PDB file of N, CA and C in Angstrom:
ATOM      1  N   UNK A   1     112.453 106.801 105.785  1.00  0.00           N
ATOM      2  CA  UNK A   1     111.537 106.989 104.688  1.00  0.00           C
ATOM      3  C   UNK A   1     110.404 105.513 105.015  1.00  0.00           C
ATOM      4  N   UNK A   2     111.075 104.465 105.449  1.00  0.00           N
ATOM      5  CA  UNK A   2     110.144 103.424 105.735  1.00  0.00           C
ATOM      6  C   UNK A   2     109.256 103.516 106.750  1.00  0.00           C
ATOM      7  N   UNK A   3     109.454 104.306 107.820  1.00  0.00           N
ATOM      8  CA  UNK A   3     108.434 104.572 108.807  1.00  0.00           C
ATOM      9  C   UNK A   3     107.482 105.566 108.302  1.00  0.00           C
ATOM     10  N   UNK A   4     107.948 106.519 107.543  1.00  0.00           N
ATOM     11  CA  UNK A   4     106.945 107.681 106.675  1.00  0.00           C
ATOM     12  C   UNK A   4     106.015 106.500 106.063  1.00  0.00           C
ATOM     13  N   UNK A   5     106.426 105.646 105.075  1.00  0.00           N
ATOM     14  CA  UNK A   5     105.577 105.002 104.220  1.00  0.00           C
ATOM     15  C   UNK A   5     104.530 104.147 105.075  1.00  0.00           C
ATOM     16  N   UNK A   6     105.019 103.388 106.236  1.00  0.00           N
ATOM     17  CA  UNK A   6     104.278 102.690 106.968  1.00  0.00           C
ATOM     18  C   UNK A   6     102.894 103.602 107.559  1.00  0.00           C
ATOM     19  N   UNK A   7     103.471 104.688 108.232  1.00  0.00           N
ATOM     20  CA  UNK A   7     102.401 105.572 108.830  1.00  0.00           C
ATOM     21  C   UNK A   7     101.394 105.869 108.008  1.00  0.00           C
ATOM     22  N   UNK A   8     101.903 106.445 106.650  1.00  0.00           N
ATOM     23  CA  UNK A   8     100.961 106.876 105.734  1.00  0.00           C
ATOM     24  C   UNK A   8      99.956 105.916 105.336  1.00  0.00           C
ATOM     25  N   UNK A   9     100.449 104.666 104.984  1.00  0.00           N
ATOM     26  CA  UNK A   9      99.410 103.326 104.655  1.00  0.00           C
ATOM     27  C   UNK A   9      98.321 103.294 106.005  1.00  0.00           C
ATOM     28  N   UNK A  10      98.987 103.220 107.080  1.00  0.00           N
ATOM     29  CA  UNK A  10      98.401 102.795 108.165  1.00  0.00           C
ATOM     30  C   UNK A  10      97.164 103.906 108.303  1.00  0.00           C
ATOM     31  N   UNK A  11      97.611 105.116 108.315  1.00  0.00           N
ATOM     32  CA  UNK A  11      96.542 106.091 108.300  1.00  0.00           C
ATOM     33  C   UNK A  11      95.510 106.104 107.377  1.00  0.00           C
ATOM     34  N   UNK A  12      95.779 105.538 106.326  1.00  0.00           N
ATOM     35  CA  UNK A  12      94.899 105.472 105.021  1.00  0.00           C
ATOM     36  C   UNK A  12      94.049 104.001 105.063  1.00  0.00           C
ATOM     37  N   UNK A  13      94.289 103.280 106.295  1.00  0.00           N
ATOM     38  CA  UNK A  13      93.703 101.977 106.293  1.00  0.00           C
ATOM     39  C   UNK A  13      94.048 100.970 105.577  1.00  0.00           C
ATOM     40  N   UNK A  14      95.153 101.008 105.075  1.00  0.00           N
ATOM     41  CA  UNK A  14      95.914  99.690 104.197  1.00  0.00           C
ATOM     42  C   UNK A  14      95.500  98.420 105.062  1.00  0.00           C
ATOM     43  N   UNK A  15      95.361  97.435 104.210  1.00  0.00           N
ATOM     44  CA  UNK A  15      95.233  96.137 104.913  1.00  0.00           C
ATOM     45  C   UNK A  15      96.311  95.047 104.556  1.00  0.00           C
ATOM     46  N   UNK A  16      96.679  94.283 105.564  1.00  0.00           N
ATOM     47  CA  UNK A  16      97.647  93.141 105.273  1.00  0.00           C
ATOM     48  C   UNK A  16      98.936  93.743 104.865  1.00  0.00           C
ATOM     49  N   UNK A  17      99.572  94.661 105.589  1.00  0.00           N
ATOM     50  CA  UNK A  17     100.885  95.361 105.152  1.00  0.00           C
ATOM     51  C   UNK A  17     101.967  94.514 105.421  1.00  0.00           C
ATOM     52  N   UNK A  18     102.761  94.164 104.672  1.00  0.00           N
ATOM     53  CA  UNK A  18     103.971  93.438 104.800  1.00  0.00           C
ATOM     54  C   UNK A  18     105.357  94.229 104.543  1.00  0.00           C
ATOM     55  N   UNK A  19     106.254  94.074 105.169  1.00  0.00           N
ATOM     56  CA  UNK A  19     107.552  94.580 104.814  1.00  0.00           C
ATOM     57  C   UNK A  19     108.700  93.375 104.559  1.00  0.00           C
ATOM     58  N   UNK A  20     109.220  93.532 103.351  1.00  0.00           N
ATOM     59  CA  UNK A  20     110.240  92.602 103.143  1.00  0.00           C
ATOM     60  C   UNK A  20     111.562  93.203 103.015  1.00  0.00           C
ATOM     61  N   UNK A  21     112.575  92.988 103.768  1.00  0.00           N
ATOM     62  CA  UNK A  21     113.943  93.775 103.928  1.00  0.00           C
ATOM     63  C   UNK A  21     114.564  93.170 102.555  1.00  0.00           C
ATOM     64  N   UNK A  22     115.135  94.112 101.752  1.00  0.00           N
ATOM     65  CA  UNK A  22     115.763  94.009 100.308  1.00  0.00           C
ATOM     66  C   UNK A  22     117.279  93.942 100.456  1.00  0.00           C
ATOM     67  N   UNK A  23     117.777  94.539 101.594  1.00  0.00           N
ATOM     68  CA  UNK A  23     119.363  94.476 101.930  1.00  0.00           C
ATOM     69  C   UNK A  23     119.906  93.203 101.633  1.00  0.00           C
ATOM     70  N   UNK A  24     120.998  93.183 100.598  1.00  0.00           N
ATOM     71  CA  UNK A  24     121.497  91.961 100.354  1.00  0.00           C
ATOM     72  C   UNK A  24     120.781  91.167  99.197  1.00  0.00           C
ATOM     73  N   UNK A  25     119.447  91.519  99.098  1.00  0.00           N
ATOM     74  CA  UNK A  25     118.885  90.686  98.028  1.00  0.00           C
ATOM     75  C   UNK A  25     118.586  91.346  96.653  1.00  0.00           C
ATOM     76  N   UNK A  26     118.764  92.857  96.846  1.00  0.00           N
ATOM     77  CA  UNK A  26     118.370  93.697  95.529  1.00  0.00           C
ATOM     78  C   UNK A  26     119.254  95.101  95.994  1.00  0.00           C
ATOM     79  N   UNK A  27     119.726  95.510  94.899  1.00  0.00           N
ATOM     80  CA  UNK A  27     120.158  96.980  94.944  1.00  0.00           C
ATOM     81  C   UNK A  27     119.061  98.196  94.776  1.00  0.00           C
ATOM     82  N   UNK A  28     118.017  97.787  94.415  1.00  0.00           N
ATOM     83  CA  UNK A  28     116.984  98.887  93.903  1.00  0.00           C
ATOM     84  C   UNK A  28     116.367  99.597  95.491  1.00  0.00           C
ATOM     85  N   UNK A  29     116.212  98.890  96.394  1.00  0.00           N
ATOM     86  CA  UNK A  29     115.723  99.538  97.566  1.00  0.00           C
ATOM     87  C   UNK A  29     116.161  98.865  98.778  1.00  0.00           C
ATOM     88  N   UNK A  30     115.939  99.275  99.997  1.00  0.00           N
ATOM     89  CA  UNK A  30     116.128  98.616 101.407  1.00  0.00           C
ATOM     90  C   UNK A  30     115.048  98.053 101.708  1.00  0.00           C
ATOM     91  N   UNK A  31     113.791  98.332 101.259  1.00  0.00           N
ATOM     92  CA  UNK A  31     112.510  97.668 101.734  1.00  0.00           C
ATOM     93  C   UNK A  31     111.541  97.691 100.674  1.00  0.00           C
ATOM     94  N   UNK A  32     110.812  96.791 100.660  1.00  0.00           N
ATOM     95  CA  UNK A  32     109.643  96.588  99.741  1.00  0.00           C
ATOM     96  C   UNK A  32     108.346  96.368 100.889  1.00  0.00           C
ATOM     97  N   UNK A  33     107.352  97.331 100.572  1.00  0.00           N
ATOM     98  CA  UNK A  33     106.125  97.217 101.387  1.00  0.00           C
ATOM     99  C   UNK A  33     105.151  96.773 100.345  1.00  0.00           C
ATOM    100  N   UNK A  34     104.203  95.827 100.923  1.00  0.00           N
ATOM    101  CA  UNK A  34     103.250  95.478  99.972  1.00  0.00           C
ATOM    102  C   UNK A  34     101.939  95.386 100.994  1.00  0.00           C
ATOM    103  N   UNK A  35     101.014  95.972 100.285  1.00  0.00           N
ATOM    104  CA  UNK A  35      99.633  96.318 101.070  1.00  0.00           C
ATOM    105  C   UNK A  35      98.528  95.941 100.102  1.00  0.00           C
ATOM    106  N   UNK A  36      97.225  96.038 100.775  1.00  0.00           N
ATOM    107  CA  UNK A  36      96.086  95.850  99.938  1.00  0.00           C
ATOM    108  C   UNK A  36      95.098  97.065 100.252  1.00  0.00           C
ATOM    109  N   UNK A  37      94.191  97.497  99.346  1.00  0.00           N
ATOM    110  CA  UNK A  37      93.104  98.052  99.583  1.00  0.00           C
ATOM    111  C   UNK A  37      92.035  97.523  99.311  1.00  0.00           C
ATOM    112  N   UNK A  38      90.962  98.096  99.656  1.00  0.00           N
ATOM    113  CA  UNK A  38      89.400  97.384  99.517  1.00  0.00           C
ATOM    114  C   UNK A  38      88.998  97.467  98.143  1.00  0.00           C
ATOM    115  N   UNK A  39      89.375  98.398  97.497  1.00  0.00           N
ATOM    116  CA  UNK A  39      88.904  98.876  96.212  1.00  0.00           C
ATOM    117  C   UNK A  39      89.935  99.527  95.145  1.00  0.00           C
ATOM    118  N   UNK A  40      89.820  99.632  93.988  1.00  0.00           N
ATOM    119  CA  UNK A  40      90.771 100.241  93.075  1.00  0.00           C
ATOM    120  C   UNK A  40      90.840 101.751  93.611  1.00  0.00           C
ATOM    121  N   UNK A  41      89.734 102.512  93.981  1.00  0.00           N
ATOM    122  CA  UNK A  41      89.694 103.770  94.439  1.00  0.00           C
ATOM    123  C   UNK A  41      90.554 104.021  95.622  1.00  0.00           C
ATOM    124  N   UNK A  42      90.412 103.142  96.642  1.00  0.00           N
ATOM    125  CA  UNK A  42      91.219 103.231  97.769  1.00  0.00           C
ATOM    126  C   UNK A  42      92.764 103.052  97.317  1.00  0.00           C
ATOM    127  N   UNK A  43      92.955 102.019  96.616  1.00  0.00           N
ATOM    128  CA  UNK A  43      94.447 101.757  96.285  1.00  0.00           C
ATOM    129  C   UNK A  43      94.907 103.241  95.542  1.00  0.00           C
ATOM    130  N   UNK A  44      94.232 103.675  94.675  1.00  0.00           N
ATOM    131  CA  UNK A  44      94.547 105.015  94.053  1.00  0.00           C
ATOM    132  C   UNK A  44      94.812 106.231  95.049  1.00  0.00           C
ATOM    133  N   UNK A  45      93.816 106.265  95.833  1.00  0.00           N
ATOM    134  CA  UNK A  45      93.966 107.275  96.910  1.00  0.00           C
ATOM    135  C   UNK A  45      95.263 107.084  97.970  1.00  0.00           C
ATOM    136  N   UNK A  46      95.367 105.996  98.319  1.00  0.00           N
ATOM    137  CA  UNK A  46      96.576 105.695  99.083  1.00  0.00           C
ATOM    138  C   UNK A  46      97.978 106.143  98.421  1.00  0.00           C
ATOM    139  N   UNK A  47      98.069 105.709  97.126  1.00  0.00           N
ATOM    140  CA  UNK A  47      99.247 106.072  96.388  1.00  0.00           C
ATOM    141  C   UNK A  47      99.514 107.346  96.346  1.00  0.00           C
ATOM    142  N   UNK A  48      98.460 108.118  95.942  1.00  0.00           N
ATOM    143  CA  UNK A  48      98.477 109.532  95.909  1.00  0.00           C
ATOM    144  C   UNK A  48      98.835 110.307  97.105  1.00  0.00           C
ATOM    145  N   UNK A  49      98.050 109.936  98.060  1.00  0.00           N
ATOM    146  CA  UNK A  49      98.453 110.513  99.499  1.00  0.00           C
ATOM    147  C   UNK A  49      99.885 110.331  99.739  1.00  0.00           C
ATOM    148  N   UNK A  50     100.350 109.138  99.587  1.00  0.00           N
ATOM    149  CA  UNK A  50     101.619 108.537 100.143  1.00  0.00           C
ATOM    150  C   UNK A  50     102.605 109.459  99.437  1.00  0.00           C
ATOM    151  N   UNK A  51     102.428 109.738  98.054  1.00  0.00           N
ATOM    152  CA  UNK A  51     103.301 110.623  97.158  1.00  0.00           C
ATOM    153  C   UNK A  51     103.427 111.994  97.760  1.00  0.00           C
ATOM    154  N   UNK A  52     102.184 112.501  98.054  1.00  0.00           N
ATOM    155  CA  UNK A  52     102.020 113.842  98.593  1.00  0.00           C
ATOM    156  C   UNK A  52     102.801 113.868  99.946  1.00  0.00           C
ATOM    157  N   UNK A  53     102.506 112.906 100.872  1.00  0.00           N
ATOM    158  CA  UNK A  53     103.371 112.971 102.160  1.00  0.00           C
ATOM    159  C   UNK A  53     104.858 112.934 101.933  1.00  0.00           C
ATOM    160  N   UNK A  54     105.294 112.258 101.161  1.00  0.00           N
ATOM    161  CA  UNK A  54     106.778 111.862 100.890  1.00  0.00           C
ATOM    162  C   UNK A  54     107.286 113.437 100.278  1.00  0.00           C
ATOM    163  N   UNK A  55     106.604 113.939  99.444  1.00  0.00           N
ATOM    164  CA  UNK A  55     107.124 115.276  98.870  1.00  0.00           C
ATOM    165  C   UNK A  55     107.072 116.359 100.044  1.00  0.00           C
ATOM    166  N   UNK A  56     105.940 116.424 100.731  1.00  0.00           N
ATOM    167  CA  UNK A  56     105.915 117.486 102.037  1.00  0.00           C
ATOM    168  C   UNK A  56     106.869 117.068 102.936  1.00  0.00           C
ATOM    169  N   UNK A  57     107.155 115.861 103.181  1.00  0.00           N
ATOM    170  CA  UNK A  57     108.120 115.770 104.486  1.00  0.00           C
ATOM    171  C   UNK A  57     109.518 115.636 104.258  1.00  0.00           C
ATOM    172  N   UNK A  58     109.831 115.240 102.679  1.00  0.00           N
ATOM    173  CA  UNK A  58     111.262 114.911 102.390  1.00  0.00           C
ATOM    174  C   UNK A  58     111.904 115.813 101.308  1.00  0.00           C
ATOM    175  N   UNK A  59     110.785 116.359 100.652  1.00  0.00           N
ATOM    176  CA  UNK A  59     111.181 117.097  99.393  1.00  0.00           C
ATOM    177  C   UNK A  59     111.394 116.234  98.065  1.00  0.00           C
ATOM    178  N   UNK A  60     111.218 114.986  98.345  1.00  0.00           N
ATOM    179  CA  UNK A  60     111.556 114.079  97.377  1.00  0.00           C
ATOM    180  C   UNK A  60     110.114 113.748  96.443  1.00  0.00           C
ATOM    181  N   UNK A  61     110.460 113.586  95.319  1.00  0.00           N
ATOM    182  CA  UNK A  61     109.179 112.956  94.249  1.00  0.00           C
ATOM    183  C   UNK A  61     109.202 111.757  94.070  1.00  0.00           C
ATOM    184  N   UNK A  62     108.254 111.191  94.621  1.00  0.00           N
ATOM    185  CA  UNK A  62     107.947 109.751  94.454  1.00  0.00           C
ATOM    186  C   UNK A  62     107.184 109.303  93.172  1.00  0.00           C
ATOM    187  N   UNK A  63     107.878 108.339  92.334  1.00  0.00           N
ATOM    188  CA  UNK A  63     107.137 108.082  91.016  1.00  0.00           C
ATOM    189  C   UNK A  63     106.141 107.008  91.281  1.00  0.00           C
ATOM    190  N   UNK A  64     105.030 107.191  90.555  1.00  0.00           N
ATOM    191  CA  UNK A  64     103.653 106.411  90.795  1.00  0.00           C
ATOM    192  C   UNK A  64     103.604 105.628  89.397  1.00  0.00           C
ATOM    193  N   UNK A  65     103.263 104.367  89.393  1.00  0.00           N
ATOM    194  CA  UNK A  65     102.915 103.437  88.095  1.00  0.00           C
ATOM    195  C   UNK A  65     101.539 102.981  88.507  1.00  0.00           C
ATOM    196  N   UNK A  66     100.847 102.699  87.525  1.00  0.00           N
ATOM    197  CA  UNK A  66      99.743 101.967  87.694  1.00  0.00           C
ATOM    198  C   UNK A  66      98.350 102.672  87.804  1.00  0.00           C
ATOM    199  N   UNK A  67      98.220 103.999  87.874  1.00  0.00           N
ATOM    200  CA  UNK A  67      97.160 104.662  87.767  1.00  0.00           C
ATOM    201  C   UNK A  67      96.729 105.011  86.354  1.00  0.00           C
ATOM    202  N   UNK A  68      95.491 105.066  85.999  1.00  0.00           N
ATOM    203  CA  UNK A  68      94.246 105.206  86.732  1.00  0.00           C
ATOM    204  C   UNK A  68      93.457 103.979  87.081  1.00  0.00           C
ATOM    205  N   UNK A  69      93.950 102.831  86.391  1.00  0.00           N
ATOM    206  CA  UNK A  69      93.314 101.510  86.680  1.00  0.00           C
ATOM    207  C   UNK A  69      93.169 101.047  88.271  1.00  0.00           C
ATOM    208  N   UNK A  70      94.531 101.064  88.802  1.00  0.00           N
ATOM    209  CA  UNK A  70      94.766 101.033  90.103  1.00  0.00           C
ATOM    210  C   UNK A  70      94.367  99.758  90.909  1.00  0.00           C
ATOM    211  N   UNK A  71      94.647  98.690  90.013  1.00  0.00           N
ATOM    212  CA  UNK A  71      94.417  97.143  90.549  1.00  0.00           C
ATOM    213  C   UNK A  71      95.679  96.858  91.200  1.00  0.00           C
ATOM    214  N   UNK A  72      96.940  97.309  90.667  1.00  0.00           N
ATOM    215  CA  UNK A  72      98.139  97.206  91.076  1.00  0.00           C
ATOM    216  C   UNK A  72      98.908  98.679  90.930  1.00  0.00           C
ATOM    217  N   UNK A  73      99.283  99.321  91.826  1.00  0.00           N
ATOM    218  CA  UNK A  73     100.020 100.601  92.085  1.00  0.00           C
ATOM    219  C   UNK A  73     101.376 100.438  92.541  1.00  0.00           C
ATOM    220  N   UNK A  74     102.360 100.816  91.803  1.00  0.00           N
ATOM    221  CA  UNK A  74     103.777 100.747  92.281  1.00  0.00           C
ATOM    222  C   UNK A  74     104.277 102.240  92.984  1.00  0.00           C
ATOM    223  N   UNK A  75     104.724 102.445  94.006  1.00  0.00           N
ATOM    224  CA  UNK A  75     105.364 103.657  94.342  1.00  0.00           C
ATOM    225  C   UNK A  75     106.792 103.599  94.721  1.00  0.00           C
ATOM    226  N   UNK A  76     107.309 104.384  93.933  1.00  0.00           N
ATOM    227  CA  UNK A  76     108.979 104.091  94.151  1.00  0.00           C
ATOM    228  C   UNK A  76     109.224 105.311  94.917  1.00  0.00           C
ATOM    229  N   UNK A  77     109.630 105.119  96.209  1.00  0.00           N
ATOM    230  CA  UNK A  77     110.015 106.137  97.153  1.00  0.00           C
ATOM    231  C   UNK A  77     111.375 105.975  97.490  1.00  0.00           C
ATOM    232  N   UNK A  78     112.308 105.786  96.397  1.00  0.00           N
ATOM    233  CA  UNK A  78     113.795 105.479  96.590  1.00  0.00           C
ATOM    234  C   UNK A  78     114.164 104.486  97.421  1.00  0.00           C
ATOM    235  N   UNK A  79     114.423 104.695  98.848  1.00  0.00           N
ATOM    236  CA  UNK A  79     114.805 103.484  99.579  1.00  0.00           C
ATOM    237  C   UNK A  79     113.678 102.472  99.712  1.00  0.00           C
ATOM    238  N   UNK A  80     112.388 102.804  99.472  1.00  0.00           N
ATOM    239  CA  UNK A  80     111.291 101.938  99.728  1.00  0.00           C
ATOM    240  C   UNK A  80     110.502 101.912  98.277  1.00  0.00           C
ATOM    241  N   UNK A  81     110.216 100.624  98.157  1.00  0.00           N
ATOM    242  CA  UNK A  81     109.223 100.450  96.901  1.00  0.00           C
ATOM    243  C   UNK A  81     107.895  99.647  97.581  1.00  0.00           C
ATOM    244  N   UNK A  82     106.871 100.399  97.131  1.00  0.00           N
ATOM    245  CA  UNK A  82     105.530 100.046  97.648  1.00  0.00           C
ATOM    246  C   UNK A  82     104.611  99.575  96.675  1.00  0.00           C
ATOM    247  N   UNK A  83     104.100  98.317  96.978  1.00  0.00           N
ATOM    248  CA  UNK A  83     103.099  97.824  95.966  1.00  0.00           C
ATOM    249  C   UNK A  83     101.789  97.887  96.670  1.00  0.00           C
ATOM    250  N   UNK A  84     100.767  98.377  96.063  1.00  0.00           N
ATOM    251  CA  UNK A  84      99.437  98.414  96.604  1.00  0.00           C
ATOM    252  C   UNK A  84      98.523  97.573  95.555  1.00  0.00           C
ATOM    253  N   UNK A  85      97.699  96.932  96.176  1.00  0.00           N
ATOM    254  CA  UNK A  85      96.947  95.767  95.411  1.00  0.00           C
ATOM    255  C   UNK A  85      95.475  95.917  95.817  1.00  0.00           C
ATOM    256  N   UNK A  86      94.507  95.713  94.948  1.00  0.00           N
ATOM    257  CA  UNK A  86      93.361  95.106  95.201  1.00  0.00           C
ATOM    258  C   UNK A  86      93.390  93.693  95.745  1.00  0.00           C
ATOM    259  N   UNK A  87      92.855  93.137  96.815  1.00  0.00           N
ATOM    260  CA  UNK A  87      93.109  91.758  97.237  1.00  0.00           C
ATOM    261  C   UNK A  87      93.196  90.768  96.325  1.00  0.00           C
ATOM    262  N   UNK A  88      92.247  90.572  95.121  1.00  0.00           N
ATOM    263  CA  UNK A  88      92.404  89.432  94.399  1.00  0.00           C
ATOM    264  C   UNK A  88      93.605  89.675  93.283  1.00  0.00           C
ATOM    265  N   UNK A  89      93.967  90.747  93.178  1.00  0.00           N
ATOM    266  CA  UNK A  89      95.110  91.028  92.302  1.00  0.00           C
ATOM    267  C   UNK A  89      96.391  90.663  93.038  1.00  0.00           C
ATOM    268  N   UNK A  90      96.437  91.038  94.275  1.00  0.00           N
ATOM    269  CA  UNK A  90      97.618  90.540  95.144  1.00  0.00           C
ATOM    270  C   UNK A  90      97.702  89.024  95.367  1.00  0.00           C
ATOM    271  N   UNK A  91      96.628  88.373  95.384  1.00  0.00           N
ATOM    272  CA  UNK A  91      96.543  86.878  95.537  1.00  0.00           C
ATOM    273  C   UNK A  91      97.062  86.440  94.290  1.00  0.00           C
ATOM    274  N   UNK A  92      96.772  86.879  93.104  1.00  0.00           N
ATOM    275  CA  UNK A  92      97.210  86.417  91.849  1.00  0.00           C
ATOM    276  C   UNK A  92      98.628  86.496  91.621  1.00  0.00           C
ATOM    277  N   UNK A  93      99.404  87.714  92.001  1.00  0.00           N
ATOM    278  CA  UNK A  93     100.544  87.893  91.745  1.00  0.00           C
ATOM    279  C   UNK A  93     101.440  87.390  92.914  1.00  0.00           C
ATOM    280  N   UNK A  94     101.105  87.331  94.075  1.00  0.00           N
ATOM    281  CA  UNK A  94     101.682  86.652  95.359  1.00  0.00           C
ATOM    282  C   UNK A  94     103.256  87.290  95.278  1.00  0.00           C
ATOM    283  N   UNK A  95     103.403  88.527  95.409  1.00  0.00           N
ATOM    284  CA  UNK A  95     104.798  88.893  95.304  1.00  0.00           C
ATOM    285  C   UNK A  95     105.540  88.426  96.456  1.00  0.00           C
ATOM    286  N   UNK A  96     104.829  88.264  97.668  1.00  0.00           N
ATOM    287  CA  UNK A  96     105.634  87.923  98.891  1.00  0.00           C
ATOM    288  C   UNK A  96     106.052  86.414  98.858  1.00  0.00           C
ATOM    289  N   UNK A  97     105.599  85.500  98.026  1.00  0.00           N
ATOM    290  CA  UNK A  97     106.134  84.372  97.694  1.00  0.00           C
ATOM    291  C   UNK A  97     107.432  84.560  96.748  1.00  0.00           C
ATOM    292  N   UNK A  98     107.277  85.315  95.844  1.00  0.00           N
ATOM    293  CA  UNK A  98     108.269  85.382  94.719  1.00  0.00           C
ATOM    294  C   UNK A  98     109.513  85.917  95.507  1.00  0.00           C
ATOM    295  N   UNK A  99     109.446  86.607  96.383  1.00  0.00           N
ATOM    296  CA  UNK A  99     110.644  87.370  97.280  1.00  0.00           C
ATOM    297  C   UNK A  99     111.177  86.485  98.349  1.00  0.00           C
ATOM    298  N   UNK A 100     110.357  85.149  98.410  1.00  0.00           N
ATOM    299  CA  UNK A 100     111.078  84.196  99.502  1.00  0.00           C
ATOM    300  C   UNK A 100     110.385  84.766 100.803  1.00  0.00           C
ATOM    301  N   UNK A 101     109.231  85.426 100.830  1.00  0.00           N
ATOM    302  CA  UNK A 101     108.471  85.831 102.277  1.00  0.00           C
ATOM    303  C   UNK A 101     107.816  84.652 102.665  1.00  0.00           C
ATOM    304  N   UNK A 102     108.000  84.427 103.973  1.00  0.00           N
ATOM    305  CA  UNK A 102     107.180  83.380 104.857  1.00  0.00           C
ATOM    306  C   UNK A 102     107.010  84.197 106.083  1.00  0.00           C
ATOM    307  N   UNK A 103     105.910  83.784 106.879  1.00  0.00           N
ATOM    308  CA  UNK A 103     105.664  84.401 108.087  1.00  0.00           C
ATOM    309  C   UNK A 103     106.847  84.392 109.064  1.00  0.00           C
ATOM    310  N   UNK A 104     107.595  83.256 109.022  1.00  0.00           N
ATOM    311  CA  UNK A 104     108.617  83.254 109.929  1.00  0.00           C
ATOM    312  C   UNK A 104     110.204  83.347 109.341  1.00  0.00           C
ATOM    313  N   UNK A 105     110.214  84.107 108.330  1.00  0.00           N
ATOM    314  CA  UNK A 105     111.353  84.416 107.608  1.00  0.00           C
ATOM    315  C   UNK A 105     112.341  85.348 108.451  1.00  0.00           C
ATOM    316  N   UNK A 106     113.446  85.141 108.640  1.00  0.00           N
ATOM    317  CA  UNK A 106     114.265  86.189 109.441  1.00  0.00           C
ATOM    318  C   UNK A 106     114.058  87.591 108.735  1.00  0.00           C
ATOM    319  N   UNK A 107     113.739  88.689 109.455  1.00  0.00           N
ATOM    320  CA  UNK A 107     113.876  89.991 108.994  1.00  0.00           C
ATOM    321  C   UNK A 107     112.491  90.473 108.328  1.00  0.00           C
ATOM    322  N   UNK A 108     111.618  89.424 107.992  1.00  0.00           N
ATOM    323  CA  UNK A 108     110.539  89.865 107.259  1.00  0.00           C
ATOM    324  C   UNK A 108     109.542  90.239 108.322  1.00  0.00           C
ATOM    325  N   UNK A 109     108.906  91.134 108.095  1.00  0.00           N
ATOM    326  CA  UNK A 109     107.777  91.674 109.163  1.00  0.00           C
ATOM    327  C   UNK A 109     106.441  92.024 108.593  1.00  0.00           C
ATOM    328  N   UNK A 110     105.419  91.353 109.170  1.00  0.00           N
ATOM    329  CA  UNK A 110     104.128  91.739 108.995  1.00  0.00           C
ATOM    330  C   UNK A 110     103.604  92.849 109.747  1.00  0.00           C
ATOM    331  N   UNK A 111     102.923  93.686 109.243  1.00  0.00           N
ATOM    332  CA  UNK A 111     102.697  95.134 109.855  1.00  0.00           C
ATOM    333  C   UNK A 111     101.162  94.871 110.282  1.00  0.00           C
TER     334      UNK A 111
END
């Protein structure tokens, strides 16, 4: 699922993708992926395409929160939680810092 999420976001030209491993930190998922889109429209499109790809390839239905405003959209893909932001909203909430992500943290991966 993690690879599918990363490939989908890459195909849709997501910016500044970061993966934070959650194993041992949270029981909600194994990975958190944070990425930015250039506009609300791109953020919404990335989320919708990701949900469609997940359903097509795995048969699972991903839940999406944050549409139609699309400043911050959350996609619950089961083992992977995806946060998609407009850049200024991402800077404001700074989830990477909240989860203890720094560039040289063991296991944290900037994509």
